[in-house]
Protein backbone atom coordinates (compact mmCIF):
# COMPACT_ATOMS: atom_id res chain seq x y z
CA MET A 1 -15.51 -24.40 9.41
CA SER A 2 -12.23 -22.69 10.26
CA CYS A 3 -8.94 -24.09 9.09
CA LEU A 4 -5.86 -24.18 11.31
CA VAL A 5 -2.62 -23.89 9.33
CA ILE A 6 0.72 -24.96 10.80
CA VAL A 7 3.78 -24.02 8.76
CA GLU A 8 7.23 -25.23 9.77
CA PHE A 9 10.30 -23.37 8.53
CA LEU A 10 13.95 -24.34 8.86
CA CYS A 11 16.16 -21.31 8.27
CA ASN A 12 19.76 -21.39 7.15
CA PRO A 13 22.12 -20.68 10.07
CA GLY A 14 22.16 -16.96 10.75
CA SER A 15 18.99 -16.26 8.74
CA SER A 16 16.28 -16.64 11.37
CA GLN A 17 16.32 -12.97 12.42
CA ASP A 18 15.92 -11.89 8.78
CA PHE A 19 12.96 -14.26 8.54
CA ILE A 20 11.41 -12.87 11.73
CA ASP A 21 11.91 -9.30 10.48
CA MET A 22 10.22 -10.20 7.18
CA CYS A 23 7.23 -11.60 9.07
CA ARG A 24 7.06 -8.50 11.26
CA ARG A 25 6.91 -6.33 8.12
CA ASN A 26 4.37 -8.56 6.35
CA TYR A 27 1.99 -9.47 9.17
CA PRO A 28 -0.12 -6.28 9.04
CA VAL A 29 -1.11 -7.18 5.46
CA THR A 30 -1.53 -10.85 6.38
CA ARG A 31 -3.79 -10.08 9.32
CA ALA A 32 -5.95 -7.81 7.15
CA TYR A 33 -6.15 -10.33 4.28
CA ASP A 34 -9.57 -11.78 3.50
CA GLY A 35 -10.18 -14.86 5.64
CA CYS A 36 -7.29 -14.47 8.09
CA LYS A 37 -8.38 -14.80 11.71
CA TYR A 38 -4.88 -14.76 13.23
CA VAL A 39 -1.24 -15.53 12.57
CA PHE A 40 1.75 -15.71 14.86
CA LEU A 41 5.32 -16.97 14.69
CA SER A 42 7.27 -18.90 17.30
CA VAL A 43 10.91 -19.95 17.57
CA ASP A 44 12.03 -23.36 18.81
CA GLN A 45 13.66 -23.10 22.25
CA VAL A 46 16.40 -25.57 21.28
CA ASN A 47 17.04 -24.69 17.62
CA GLU A 48 16.70 -20.98 16.83
CA ASN A 49 16.71 -21.80 13.11
CA SER A 50 13.44 -23.72 13.46
CA LEU A 51 10.32 -21.53 13.34
CA VAL A 52 6.65 -22.43 13.40
CA MET A 53 3.86 -20.23 12.07
CA VAL A 54 0.37 -20.89 13.41
CA GLU A 55 -2.55 -19.41 11.51
CA GLU A 56 -6.32 -19.66 11.49
CA TRP A 57 -8.22 -18.98 8.27
CA ASP A 58 -11.86 -19.11 7.29
CA SER A 59 -10.96 -21.99 4.96
CA LYS A 60 -8.07 -23.77 3.27
CA GLU A 61 -9.02 -21.96 0.07
CA HIS A 62 -8.64 -18.57 1.77
CA HIS A 63 -5.14 -19.51 2.86
CA GLN A 64 -4.20 -20.81 -0.57
CA ARG A 65 -5.35 -17.54 -2.17
CA TYR A 66 -3.17 -15.69 0.34
CA VAL A 67 -0.15 -17.91 -0.50
CA ALA A 68 -0.70 -17.21 -4.21
CA PHE A 69 -0.69 -13.48 -3.41
CA ARG A 70 2.62 -13.80 -1.51
CA GLU A 71 4.13 -15.68 -4.46
CA THR A 72 3.48 -12.65 -6.68
CA ASP A 73 4.40 -9.78 -4.32
CA GLY A 74 8.09 -10.67 -3.90
CA THR A 75 7.80 -12.25 -0.45
CA SER A 76 8.61 -15.75 -1.69
CA ASP A 77 11.63 -14.46 -3.61
CA PHE A 78 12.96 -12.87 -0.41
CA MET A 79 12.10 -15.85 1.80
CA ASP A 80 13.38 -18.76 -0.29
CA PRO A 81 17.13 -18.05 0.13
CA LEU A 82 16.66 -17.85 3.91
CA LEU A 83 15.41 -21.45 4.11
CA VAL A 84 17.20 -24.80 4.09
CA SER A 85 14.20 -26.41 2.36
CA PRO A 86 10.63 -25.53 1.41
CA PRO A 87 8.31 -25.05 4.39
CA ARG A 88 6.12 -27.90 5.62
CA VAL A 89 2.45 -26.88 5.57
CA ARG A 90 -0.30 -28.70 7.45
CA TYR A 91 -4.01 -27.95 7.13
CA LEU A 92 -6.07 -29.02 10.14
CA ASP A 93 -9.79 -28.96 10.88
CA LEU A 94 -10.69 -27.65 14.32
CA THR A 95 -12.89 -29.90 16.42
CA ASP A 96 -15.44 -29.05 19.08
CA ALA A 97 -13.46 -30.90 21.77
């Protein structure tokens, strides 16, 4: 069963565009990564420093392997200083409703 992943990011003031640019650069690899069905990023209409990434993966394990990859390729090192706090990650099972 597919796994929906919701990741909430709170960027430091003035850092959201750098975060968006990083995602734009990284998404071709993300979208081609084993198990990724889709990923997109949205910006809160009220607080431009609040971003939400919505992803669908074949499984939670596929996503966790991808996160481990990003922790070794330098992405996490670039991203961490842009954020107020670590991202909030939610793993959801899709229903047939």
